[in-house]
Amino acid sequence: MIDAFPLQWPAHVARTPSHQRACGNFKVTPATAVRELVEDVARSGGSGLVISTNRPTRRDGLPLASAREPEDPGVAVYFTRKGRNICIPCDSFDRVWKNIRAFGLSIRDMRGPESRGCAAITDQAFTGFAALPAPGAIHWTAILGVPATATVEEINAAYKAKVRELGATGNDAARADLNVARDQGLAERS
């Protein structure tokens, strides 16, 4: 589960040194930047949006605009699109809302080919941002005990076998891990 606060930066992405962050010249308010990002992710077919920052969140999980600007303005946007978990991190700008605006504009740009009949280009662009498992997380293949090349049938069979092994032990955490692993494996096959 990805948290909106504090920032959940993907471990495989290098950070921009603070002295190299740009001021940016975005001509929108911070609230507009957030609203338009939410809209653009939805238009791209994304769901389950989490904007992870070092700003406390509002009740709806979005960054609190009235909070003091954190020392680290990094933002990592997580969402699901066509069954794939996507993560797009950005810390190129000196303010949280500017990094959010950069996301919104970038996602809008990635959707451009769709309007010209080339949806495959957009799909390929989003594929490059597939979210990796959190550091220390166990990959779904290891949880189910199947190879990365497992078919849908093999994934379902392994899932059922693991559930039978658990029996009626009442281990809800292990059951939840199995459910997530099965869902991740099946999503990769769709």
N, C-alpha and C. Protein backbone atom coordinates (compact mmCIF):
# COMPACT_ATOMS: atom_id res chain seq x y z
N MET A 1 0.84 -1.18 0.00
CA MET A 1 0.00 0.00 0.00
C MET A 1 0.88 1.24 0.00
N ILE A 2 0.62 2.15 -0.90
CA ILE A 2 1.40 3.39 -1.00
C ILE A 2 0.71 4.47 -0.16
N ASP A 3 1.49 5.17 0.63
CA ASP A 3 0.96 6.25 1.45
C ASP A 3 1.15 7.59 0.76
N ALA A 4 0.16 8.47 0.92
CA ALA A 4 0.27 9.82 0.37
C ALA A 4 1.24 10.66 1.21
N PHE A 5 1.35 10.34 2.49
CA PHE A 5 2.23 11.08 3.39
C PHE A 5 2.81 10.10 4.39
N PRO A 6 4.11 10.14 4.61
CA PRO A 6 5.13 10.95 3.94
C PRO A 6 5.46 10.39 2.56
N LEU A 7 6.29 11.10 1.85
CA LEU A 7 6.68 10.75 0.49
C LEU A 7 7.19 9.32 0.40
N GLN A 8 6.64 8.56 -0.56
CA GLN A 8 7.08 7.19 -0.85
C GLN A 8 7.81 7.24 -2.19
N TRP A 9 9.08 7.61 -2.15
CA TRP A 9 9.89 7.74 -3.36
C TRP A 9 10.37 6.36 -3.80
N PRO A 10 10.25 6.02 -5.09
CA PRO A 10 10.71 4.70 -5.54
C PRO A 10 12.23 4.58 -5.41
N ALA A 11 12.67 3.49 -4.81
CA ALA A 11 14.09 3.30 -4.49
C ALA A 11 14.98 3.27 -5.73
N HIS A 12 14.46 2.89 -6.88
CA HIS A 12 15.28 2.76 -8.09
C HIS A 12 15.47 4.07 -8.84
N VAL A 13 14.89 5.17 -8.36
CA VAL A 13 14.98 6.45 -9.06
C VAL A 13 15.88 7.40 -8.27
N ALA A 14 16.89 7.93 -8.96
CA ALA A 14 17.82 8.88 -8.32
C ALA A 14 17.10 10.19 -8.02
N ARG A 15 17.56 10.87 -6.99
CA ARG A 15 16.98 12.15 -6.59
C ARG A 15 17.73 13.30 -7.25
N THR A 16 17.03 14.40 -7.49
CA THR A 16 17.65 15.60 -8.03
C THR A 16 18.27 16.37 -6.86
N PRO A 17 19.55 16.72 -6.94
CA PRO A 17 20.16 17.50 -5.86
C PRO A 17 19.41 18.84 -5.70
N SER A 18 19.26 19.29 -4.46
CA SER A 18 18.46 20.49 -4.21
C SER A 18 18.97 21.71 -4.98
N HIS A 19 20.29 21.82 -5.19
CA HIS A 19 20.83 22.99 -5.89
C HIS A 19 20.54 22.94 -7.40
N GLN A 20 20.05 21.79 -7.90
CA GLN A 20 19.73 21.66 -9.33
C GLN A 20 18.24 21.76 -9.62
N ARG A 21 17.44 21.99 -8.59
CA ARG A 21 16.00 22.08 -8.80
C ARG A 21 15.64 23.43 -9.41
N ALA A 22 14.74 23.41 -10.38
CA ALA A 22 14.32 24.62 -11.10
C ALA A 22 13.20 25.33 -10.36
N CYS A 23 13.08 26.64 -10.62
CA CYS A 23 11.97 27.42 -10.05
C CYS A 23 10.68 27.16 -10.80
N GLY A 24 10.76 26.97 -12.10
CA GLY A 24 9.56 26.71 -12.90
C GLY A 24 8.70 27.95 -13.05
N ASN A 25 8.05 28.04 -14.18
CA ASN A 25 7.21 29.20 -14.46
C ASN A 25 5.81 28.72 -14.84
N PHE A 26 5.15 28.05 -13.92
CA PHE A 26 3.81 27.54 -14.17
C PHE A 26 2.80 28.61 -13.81
N LYS A 27 1.85 28.83 -14.68
CA LYS A 27 0.89 29.91 -14.48
C LYS A 27 -0.46 29.39 -14.00
N VAL A 28 -0.43 28.56 -12.96
CA VAL A 28 -1.64 28.07 -12.33
C VAL A 28 -1.44 28.12 -10.82
N THR A 29 -2.54 28.02 -10.09
CA THR A 29 -2.45 27.96 -8.64
C THR A 29 -2.12 26.53 -8.22
N PRO A 30 -1.61 26.33 -7.02
CA PRO A 30 -1.36 24.97 -6.55
C PRO A 30 -2.62 24.10 -6.57
N ALA A 31 -3.76 24.67 -6.21
CA ALA A 31 -5.01 23.90 -6.21
C ALA A 31 -5.38 23.47 -7.63
N THR A 32 -5.16 24.34 -8.61
CA THR A 32 -5.45 24.00 -10.00
C THR A 32 -4.51 22.91 -10.49
N ALA A 33 -3.25 22.97 -10.08
CA ALA A 33 -2.28 21.94 -10.48
C ALA A 33 -2.74 20.56 -10.00
N VAL A 34 -3.20 20.48 -8.76
CA VAL A 34 -3.66 19.21 -8.21
C VAL A 34 -4.94 18.77 -8.92
N ARG A 35 -5.90 19.66 -9.06
CA ARG A 35 -7.18 19.31 -9.70
C ARG A 35 -6.97 18.80 -11.12
N GLU A 36 -6.13 19.50 -11.88
CA GLU A 36 -5.91 19.10 -13.27
C GLU A 36 -5.13 17.79 -13.37
N LEU A 37 -4.22 17.53 -12.43
CA LEU A 37 -3.53 16.24 -12.42
C LEU A 37 -4.54 15.12 -12.19
N VAL A 38 -5.40 15.28 -11.22
CA VAL A 38 -6.42 14.27 -10.94
C VAL A 38 -7.27 14.01 -12.18
N GLU A 39 -7.67 15.09 -12.86
CA GLU A 39 -8.49 14.96 -14.08
C GLU A 39 -7.71 14.27 -15.20
N ASP A 40 -6.44 14.64 -15.39
CA ASP A 40 -5.65 14.06 -16.48
C ASP A 40 -5.35 12.59 -16.24
N VAL A 41 -5.12 12.19 -15.00
CA VAL A 41 -4.91 10.77 -14.72
C VAL A 41 -6.19 10.00 -15.05
N ALA A 42 -7.34 10.54 -14.65
CA ALA A 42 -8.61 9.87 -14.95
C ALA A 42 -8.84 9.79 -16.46
N ARG A 43 -8.54 10.85 -17.19
CA ARG A 43 -8.71 10.83 -18.65
C ARG A 43 -7.79 9.82 -19.32
N SER A 44 -6.64 9.55 -18.71
CA SER A 44 -5.69 8.59 -19.28
C SER A 44 -6.13 7.15 -19.03
N GLY A 45 -7.21 6.98 -18.26
CA GLY A 45 -7.67 5.64 -17.91
C GLY A 45 -7.13 5.18 -16.58
N GLY A 46 -6.50 6.08 -15.84
CA GLY A 46 -5.93 5.74 -14.55
C GLY A 46 -6.97 5.76 -13.44
N SER A 47 -6.72 4.95 -12.42
CA SER A 47 -7.59 4.92 -11.24
C SER A 47 -6.73 4.68 -10.01
N GLY A 48 -7.32 4.88 -8.84
CA GLY A 48 -6.60 4.63 -7.60
C GLY A 48 -5.44 5.58 -7.38
N LEU A 49 -5.59 6.82 -7.79
CA LEU A 49 -4.51 7.81 -7.72
C LEU A 49 -4.07 8.08 -6.29
N VAL A 50 -2.75 8.05 -6.08
CA VAL A 50 -2.14 8.48 -4.82
C VAL A 50 -1.03 9.46 -5.19
N ILE A 51 -1.13 10.68 -4.65
CA ILE A 51 -0.07 11.68 -4.84
C ILE A 51 0.73 11.68 -3.55
N SER A 52 1.90 11.08 -3.58
CA SER A 52 2.71 10.92 -2.39
C SER A 52 3.71 12.07 -2.28
N THR A 53 3.64 12.81 -1.17
CA THR A 53 4.52 13.96 -0.94
C THR A 53 4.87 14.03 0.55
N ASN A 54 5.70 15.00 0.90
CA ASN A 54 6.00 15.26 2.30
C ASN A 54 5.09 16.34 2.87
N ARG A 55 3.98 16.60 2.20
CA ARG A 55 2.94 17.49 2.71
C ARG A 55 1.87 16.64 3.37
N PRO A 56 1.40 17.05 4.54
CA PRO A 56 0.26 16.33 5.13
C PRO A 56 -0.91 16.35 4.14
N THR A 57 -1.84 15.43 4.32
CA THR A 57 -2.95 15.32 3.37
C THR A 57 -4.27 15.82 3.95
N ARG A 58 -5.16 16.14 3.02
CA ARG A 58 -6.54 16.48 3.38
C ARG A 58 -7.28 15.17 3.64
N ARG A 59 -8.53 15.26 4.00
CA ARG A 59 -9.34 14.05 4.24
C ARG A 59 -9.47 13.18 3.00
N ASP A 60 -9.42 13.82 1.81
CA ASP A 60 -9.56 13.05 0.57
C ASP A 60 -8.24 12.45 0.10
N GLY A 61 -7.15 12.64 0.88
CA GLY A 61 -5.86 12.05 0.55
C GLY A 61 -4.97 12.91 -0.33
N LEU A 62 -5.47 14.05 -0.79
CA LEU A 62 -4.66 14.95 -1.62
C LEU A 62 -3.82 15.86 -0.74
N PRO A 63 -2.71 16.40 -1.28
CA PRO A 63 -1.83 17.25 -0.47
C PRO A 63 -2.56 18.47 0.07
N LEU A 64 -2.28 18.79 1.32
CA LEU A 64 -2.87 19.94 2.00
C LEU A 64 -2.18 21.21 1.52
N ALA A 65 -2.91 22.07 0.82
CA ALA A 65 -2.32 23.28 0.23
C ALA A 65 -1.85 24.26 1.28
N SER A 66 -2.50 24.30 2.43
CA SER A 66 -2.15 25.29 3.45
C SER A 66 -0.95 24.90 4.29
N ALA A 67 -0.44 23.68 4.10
CA ALA A 67 0.72 23.22 4.87
C ALA A 67 1.99 23.95 4.42
N ARG A 68 2.92 24.07 5.33
CA ARG A 68 4.21 24.69 5.03
C ARG A 68 4.94 23.85 3.99
N GLU A 69 5.66 24.52 3.10
CA GLU A 69 6.41 23.82 2.05
C GLU A 69 7.49 22.96 2.71
N PRO A 70 7.52 21.66 2.42
CA PRO A 70 8.53 20.80 3.04
C PRO A 70 9.91 21.04 2.43
N GLU A 71 10.92 20.63 3.15
CA GLU A 71 12.29 20.75 2.66
C GLU A 71 12.48 19.93 1.39
N ASP A 72 11.84 18.76 1.34
CA ASP A 72 11.92 17.89 0.18
C ASP A 72 10.64 18.05 -0.65
N PRO A 73 10.72 18.70 -1.82
CA PRO A 73 9.52 18.93 -2.63
C PRO A 73 9.17 17.77 -3.57
N GLY A 74 9.81 16.64 -3.40
CA GLY A 74 9.57 15.51 -4.30
C GLY A 74 8.12 15.03 -4.25
N VAL A 75 7.70 14.50 -5.38
CA VAL A 75 6.34 13.96 -5.53
C VAL A 75 6.45 12.65 -6.30
N ALA A 76 5.72 11.66 -5.86
CA ALA A 76 5.63 10.40 -6.60
C ALA A 76 4.14 10.12 -6.81
N VAL A 77 3.74 10.02 -8.05
CA VAL A 77 2.34 9.78 -8.38
C VAL A 77 2.18 8.30 -8.71
N TYR A 78 1.27 7.66 -8.00
CA TYR A 78 0.98 6.24 -8.19
C TYR A 78 -0.46 6.09 -8.64
N PHE A 79 -0.71 5.22 -9.62
CA PHE A 79 -2.06 4.89 -10.03
C PHE A 79 -2.04 3.60 -10.83
N THR A 80 -3.20 3.08 -11.12
CA THR A 80 -3.33 1.86 -11.91
C THR A 80 -3.94 2.23 -13.25
N ARG A 81 -3.37 1.70 -14.32
CA ARG A 81 -3.87 1.95 -15.67
C ARG A 81 -3.80 0.64 -16.44
N LYS A 82 -4.94 0.21 -16.94
CA LYS A 82 -5.05 -1.04 -17.71
C LYS A 82 -4.42 -2.21 -16.96
N GLY A 83 -4.70 -2.28 -15.65
CA GLY A 83 -4.23 -3.39 -14.83
C GLY A 83 -2.77 -3.30 -14.41
N ARG A 84 -2.09 -2.24 -14.78
CA ARG A 84 -0.68 -2.08 -14.41
C ARG A 84 -0.53 -0.98 -13.37
N ASN A 85 0.32 -1.24 -12.38
CA ASN A 85 0.63 -0.21 -11.39
C ASN A 85 1.68 0.71 -11.98
N ILE A 86 1.38 2.00 -11.94
CA ILE A 86 2.25 3.03 -12.53
C ILE A 86 2.81 3.90 -11.41
N CYS A 87 4.07 4.30 -11.54
CA CYS A 87 4.69 5.25 -10.62
C CYS A 87 5.51 6.24 -11.44
N ILE A 88 5.20 7.52 -11.27
CA ILE A 88 5.97 8.56 -11.95
C ILE A 88 6.46 9.54 -10.88
N PRO A 89 7.77 9.50 -10.58
CA PRO A 89 8.32 10.40 -9.57
C PRO A 89 8.90 11.67 -10.21
N CYS A 90 8.87 12.76 -9.47
CA CYS A 90 9.46 14.01 -9.96
C CYS A 90 9.89 14.87 -8.78
N ASP A 91 11.12 15.35 -8.85
CA ASP A 91 11.61 16.32 -7.86
C ASP A 91 12.46 17.37 -8.56
N SER A 92 12.12 17.67 -9.82
CA SER A 92 12.89 18.62 -10.63
C SER A 92 12.67 20.07 -10.23
N PHE A 93 11.56 20.34 -9.53
CA PHE A 93 11.22 21.72 -9.18
C PHE A 93 11.31 21.95 -7.68
N ASP A 94 11.34 23.21 -7.29
CA ASP A 94 11.59 23.58 -5.90
C ASP A 94 10.36 23.60 -5.00
N ARG A 95 9.19 23.31 -5.54
CA ARG A 95 7.96 23.31 -4.77
C ARG A 95 7.14 22.06 -5.12
N VAL A 96 6.43 21.54 -4.13
CA VAL A 96 5.60 20.36 -4.34
C VAL A 96 4.61 20.60 -5.47
N TRP A 97 3.89 21.71 -5.43
CA TRP A 97 2.84 21.94 -6.43
C TRP A 97 3.42 22.07 -7.84
N LYS A 98 4.65 22.55 -7.96
CA LYS A 98 5.26 22.66 -9.29
C LYS A 98 5.59 21.28 -9.85
N ASN A 99 6.04 20.37 -8.99
CA ASN A 99 6.27 18.99 -9.43
C ASN A 99 4.95 18.33 -9.81
N ILE A 100 3.89 18.63 -9.06
CA ILE A 100 2.57 18.10 -9.40
C ILE A 100 2.13 18.64 -10.76
N ARG A 101 2.35 19.93 -11.00
CA ARG A 101 1.98 20.52 -12.29
C ARG A 101 2.76 19.86 -13.43
N ALA A 102 4.04 19.62 -13.20
CA ALA A 102 4.86 18.96 -14.23
C ALA A 102 4.27 17.59 -14.58
N PHE A 103 3.80 16.85 -13.57
CA PHE A 103 3.15 15.57 -13.82
C PHE A 103 1.93 15.73 -14.70
N GLY A 104 1.05 16.64 -14.29
CA GLY A 104 -0.20 16.83 -15.03
C GLY A 104 0.05 17.14 -16.49
N LEU A 105 0.99 18.05 -16.74
CA LEU A 105 1.30 18.41 -18.13
C LEU A 105 1.94 17.24 -18.87
N SER A 106 2.77 16.48 -18.20
CA SER A 106 3.42 15.34 -18.85
C SER A 106 2.41 14.25 -19.20
N ILE A 107 1.50 13.97 -18.29
CA ILE A 107 0.48 12.96 -18.57
C ILE A 107 -0.42 13.43 -19.72
N ARG A 108 -0.73 14.72 -19.73
CA ARG A 108 -1.53 15.27 -20.83
C ARG A 108 -0.78 15.08 -22.16
N ASP A 109 0.54 15.34 -22.14
CA ASP A 109 1.34 15.16 -23.35
C ASP A 109 1.39 13.70 -23.79
N MET A 110 1.50 12.76 -22.83
CA MET A 110 1.55 11.34 -23.18
C MET A 110 0.25 10.88 -23.81
N ARG A 111 -0.85 11.54 -23.49
CA ARG A 111 -2.14 11.16 -24.06
C ARG A 111 -2.33 11.69 -25.48
N GLY A 112 -1.48 12.58 -25.93
CA GLY A 112 -1.61 13.19 -27.25
C GLY A 112 -1.76 12.21 -28.39
N PRO A 113 -0.95 11.15 -28.45
CA PRO A 113 -1.09 10.20 -29.56
C PRO A 113 -2.47 9.55 -29.65
N GLU A 114 -3.15 9.39 -28.51
CA GLU A 114 -4.48 8.78 -28.53
C GLU A 114 -5.44 9.59 -29.40
N SER A 115 -5.33 10.92 -29.31
CA SER A 115 -6.25 11.76 -30.09
C SER A 115 -5.94 11.70 -31.58
N ARG A 116 -4.78 11.17 -31.92
CA ARG A 116 -4.40 11.03 -33.33
C ARG A 116 -4.47 9.58 -33.79
N GLY A 117 -5.17 8.73 -33.00
CA GLY A 117 -5.38 7.34 -33.40
C GLY A 117 -4.22 6.41 -33.11
N CYS A 118 -3.30 6.81 -32.25
CA CYS A 118 -2.12 5.98 -31.97
C CYS A 118 -2.06 5.63 -30.48
N ALA A 119 -3.10 4.99 -29.98
CA ALA A 119 -3.18 4.66 -28.55
C ALA A 119 -2.04 3.76 -28.10
N ALA A 120 -1.49 2.94 -29.00
CA ALA A 120 -0.40 2.04 -28.63
C ALA A 120 0.83 2.82 -28.17
N ILE A 121 1.03 4.01 -28.72
CA ILE A 121 2.17 4.84 -28.30
C ILE A 121 1.97 5.27 -26.85
N THR A 122 0.75 5.67 -26.51
CA THR A 122 0.46 6.08 -25.13
C THR A 122 0.65 4.90 -24.19
N ASP A 123 0.14 3.74 -24.57
CA ASP A 123 0.30 2.56 -23.73
C ASP A 123 1.78 2.25 -23.50
N GLN A 124 2.59 2.36 -24.54
CA GLN A 124 4.02 2.09 -24.43
C GLN A 124 4.69 3.11 -23.51
N ALA A 125 4.27 4.37 -23.61
CA ALA A 125 4.85 5.42 -22.74
C ALA A 125 4.57 5.10 -21.28
N PHE A 126 3.36 4.70 -20.96
CA PHE A 126 3.03 4.38 -19.57
C PHE A 126 3.74 3.12 -19.10
N THR A 127 4.00 2.18 -19.98
CA THR A 127 4.69 0.95 -19.61
C THR A 127 6.06 1.25 -19.01
N GLY A 128 6.70 2.31 -19.48
CA GLY A 128 8.01 2.69 -18.97
C GLY A 128 7.99 3.17 -17.53
N PHE A 129 6.79 3.41 -16.99
CA PHE A 129 6.66 3.88 -15.61
C PHE A 129 6.04 2.84 -14.70
N ALA A 130 6.15 1.57 -15.08
CA ALA A 130 5.58 0.51 -14.25
C ALA A 130 6.18 0.59 -12.85
N ALA A 131 5.31 0.56 -11.85
CA ALA A 131 5.77 0.66 -10.47
C ALA A 131 6.46 -0.64 -10.07
N LEU A 132 7.62 -0.51 -9.45
CA LEU A 132 8.34 -1.67 -8.93
C LEU A 132 7.83 -1.96 -7.52
N PRO A 133 8.01 -3.18 -7.06
CA PRO A 133 7.60 -3.47 -5.69
C PRO A 133 8.37 -2.60 -4.70
N ALA A 134 7.75 -2.30 -3.58
CA ALA A 134 8.41 -1.51 -2.54
C ALA A 134 9.66 -2.23 -2.07
N PRO A 135 10.67 -1.47 -1.59
CA PRO A 135 11.88 -2.12 -1.10
C PRO A 135 11.54 -3.16 -0.03
N GLY A 136 12.13 -4.32 -0.16
CA GLY A 136 11.88 -5.38 0.81
C GLY A 136 10.63 -6.20 0.53
N ALA A 137 9.82 -5.76 -0.45
CA ALA A 137 8.59 -6.49 -0.77
C ALA A 137 8.95 -7.79 -1.50
N ILE A 138 8.14 -8.79 -1.31
CA ILE A 138 8.35 -10.08 -1.97
C ILE A 138 7.52 -10.09 -3.23
N HIS A 139 8.12 -10.45 -4.35
CA HIS A 139 7.44 -10.47 -5.63
C HIS A 139 6.35 -11.54 -5.62
N TRP A 140 5.28 -11.30 -6.35
CA TRP A 140 4.14 -12.22 -6.37
C TRP A 140 4.53 -13.64 -6.77
N THR A 141 5.55 -13.77 -7.64
CA THR A 141 5.96 -15.11 -8.07
C THR A 141 6.52 -15.91 -6.89
N ALA A 142 7.26 -15.22 -6.01
CA ALA A 142 7.82 -15.90 -4.84
C ALA A 142 6.73 -16.30 -3.84
N ILE A 143 5.72 -15.46 -3.70
CA ILE A 143 4.63 -15.77 -2.76
C ILE A 143 3.85 -16.99 -3.24
N LEU A 144 3.59 -17.04 -4.54
CA LEU A 144 2.82 -18.16 -5.09
C LEU A 144 3.69 -19.37 -5.42
N GLY A 145 5.01 -19.17 -5.49
CA GLY A 145 5.91 -20.28 -5.81
C GLY A 145 5.83 -20.70 -7.27
N VAL A 146 5.70 -19.71 -8.16
CA VAL A 146 5.61 -19.99 -9.60
C VAL A 146 6.70 -19.20 -10.33
N PRO A 147 7.07 -19.64 -11.53
CA PRO A 147 8.05 -18.87 -12.31
C PRO A 147 7.40 -17.61 -12.90
N ALA A 148 8.22 -16.66 -13.31
CA ALA A 148 7.73 -15.41 -13.90
C ALA A 148 6.96 -15.67 -15.20
N THR A 149 7.15 -16.83 -15.80
CA THR A 149 6.47 -17.17 -17.05
C THR A 149 5.16 -17.92 -16.82
N ALA A 150 4.71 -18.00 -15.58
CA ALA A 150 3.51 -18.76 -15.24
C ALA A 150 2.30 -18.26 -16.02
N THR A 151 1.47 -19.20 -16.43
CA THR A 151 0.24 -18.87 -17.15
C THR A 151 -0.86 -18.52 -16.14
N VAL A 152 -1.98 -18.03 -16.66
CA VAL A 152 -3.13 -17.73 -15.80
C VAL A 152 -3.56 -18.98 -15.05
N GLU A 153 -3.60 -20.10 -15.75
CA GLU A 153 -4.01 -21.37 -15.12
C GLU A 153 -3.04 -21.76 -14.01
N GLU A 154 -1.73 -21.61 -14.25
CA GLU A 154 -0.73 -21.96 -13.23
C GLU A 154 -0.82 -21.02 -12.02
N ILE A 155 -1.09 -19.75 -12.27
CA ILE A 155 -1.23 -18.78 -11.17
C ILE A 155 -2.43 -19.16 -10.31
N ASN A 156 -3.56 -19.45 -10.95
CA ASN A 156 -4.76 -19.82 -10.20
C ASN A 156 -4.57 -21.12 -9.44
N ALA A 157 -3.92 -22.10 -10.05
CA ALA A 157 -3.68 -23.38 -9.39
C ALA A 157 -2.76 -23.20 -8.18
N ALA A 158 -1.71 -22.42 -8.33
CA ALA A 158 -0.78 -22.17 -7.22
C ALA A 158 -1.49 -21.44 -6.08
N TYR A 159 -2.33 -20.49 -6.44
CA TYR A 159 -3.09 -19.74 -5.44
C TYR A 159 -3.98 -20.70 -4.63
N LYS A 160 -4.72 -21.54 -5.33
CA LYS A 160 -5.63 -22.47 -4.65
C LYS A 160 -4.85 -23.44 -3.75
N ALA A 161 -3.70 -23.91 -4.22
CA ALA A 161 -2.89 -24.83 -3.42
C ALA A 161 -2.39 -24.15 -2.15
N LYS A 162 -1.97 -22.88 -2.27
CA LYS A 162 -1.47 -22.14 -1.10
C LYS A 162 -2.60 -21.88 -0.11
N VAL A 163 -3.79 -21.58 -0.61
CA VAL A 163 -4.94 -21.36 0.27
C VAL A 163 -5.26 -22.64 1.03
N ARG A 164 -5.21 -23.78 0.33
CA ARG A 164 -5.46 -25.08 1.00
C ARG A 164 -4.40 -25.33 2.07
N GLU A 165 -3.14 -24.98 1.80
CA GLU A 165 -2.07 -25.15 2.79
C GLU A 165 -2.35 -24.35 4.06
N LEU A 166 -2.89 -23.16 3.86
CA LEU A 166 -3.22 -22.32 5.03
C LEU A 166 -4.34 -22.95 5.84
N GLY A 167 -5.25 -23.60 5.13
CA GLY A 167 -6.37 -24.24 5.82
C GLY A 167 -7.15 -23.23 6.63
N ALA A 168 -7.57 -23.66 7.80
CA ALA A 168 -8.39 -22.81 8.67
C ALA A 168 -7.54 -22.19 9.77
N THR A 169 -6.27 -21.91 9.46
CA THR A 169 -5.38 -21.37 10.50
C THR A 169 -5.76 -19.96 10.92
N GLY A 170 -6.56 -19.29 10.10
CA GLY A 170 -6.98 -17.93 10.45
C GLY A 170 -5.90 -16.90 10.23
N ASN A 171 -4.87 -17.22 9.46
CA ASN A 171 -3.79 -16.28 9.20
C ASN A 171 -4.24 -15.29 8.12
N ASP A 172 -4.90 -14.22 8.56
CA ASP A 172 -5.46 -13.24 7.63
C ASP A 172 -4.39 -12.52 6.82
N ALA A 173 -3.24 -12.25 7.43
CA ALA A 173 -2.17 -11.55 6.72
C ALA A 173 -1.64 -12.40 5.57
N ALA A 174 -1.44 -13.68 5.81
CA ALA A 174 -0.95 -14.57 4.76
C ALA A 174 -1.99 -14.70 3.65
N ARG A 175 -3.26 -14.79 4.02
CA ARG A 175 -4.33 -14.85 3.03
C ARG A 175 -4.36 -13.58 2.18
N ALA A 176 -4.20 -12.43 2.83
CA ALA A 176 -4.19 -11.16 2.10
C ALA A 176 -3.01 -11.10 1.14
N ASP A 177 -1.84 -11.59 1.58
CA ASP A 177 -0.67 -11.62 0.70
C ASP A 177 -0.93 -12.50 -0.52
N LEU A 178 -1.57 -13.63 -0.30
CA LEU A 178 -1.89 -14.53 -1.42
C LEU A 178 -2.86 -13.86 -2.40
N ASN A 179 -3.86 -13.18 -1.87
CA ASN A 179 -4.83 -12.50 -2.73
C ASN A 179 -4.15 -11.44 -3.58
N VAL A 180 -3.28 -10.65 -2.95
CA VAL A 180 -2.56 -9.59 -3.68
C VAL A 180 -1.65 -10.21 -4.74
N ALA A 181 -0.92 -11.27 -4.35
CA ALA A 181 -0.01 -11.93 -5.30
C ALA A 181 -0.77 -12.47 -6.51
N ARG A 182 -1.90 -13.14 -6.25
CA ARG A 182 -2.71 -13.67 -7.36
C ARG A 182 -3.18 -12.53 -8.27
N ASP A 183 -3.69 -11.44 -7.66
CA ASP A 183 -4.19 -10.30 -8.44
C ASP A 183 -3.08 -9.67 -9.27
N GLN A 184 -1.87 -9.54 -8.68
CA GLN A 184 -0.75 -8.96 -9.44
C GLN A 184 -0.36 -9.85 -10.61
N GLY A 185 -0.29 -11.15 -10.35
CA GLY A 185 0.05 -12.08 -11.42
C GLY A 185 -0.96 -12.07 -12.55
N LEU A 186 -2.23 -12.08 -12.20
CA LEU A 186 -3.28 -12.06 -13.22
C LEU A 186 -3.29 -10.74 -13.98
N ALA A 187 -3.02 -9.64 -13.28
CA ALA A 187 -2.99 -8.33 -13.95
C ALA A 187 -1.87 -8.27 -14.98
N GLU A 188 -0.75 -8.90 -14.69
CA GLU A 188 0.36 -8.92 -15.65
C GLU A 188 0.03 -9.77 -16.88
N ARG A 189 -0.92 -10.67 -16.75
CA ARG A 189 -1.28 -11.54 -17.86
C ARG A 189 -2.40 -10.97 -18.72
N SER A 190 -3.03 -9.88 -18.25
CA SER A 190 -4.15 -9.32 -19.03
C SER A 190 -3.71 -8.26 -20.01
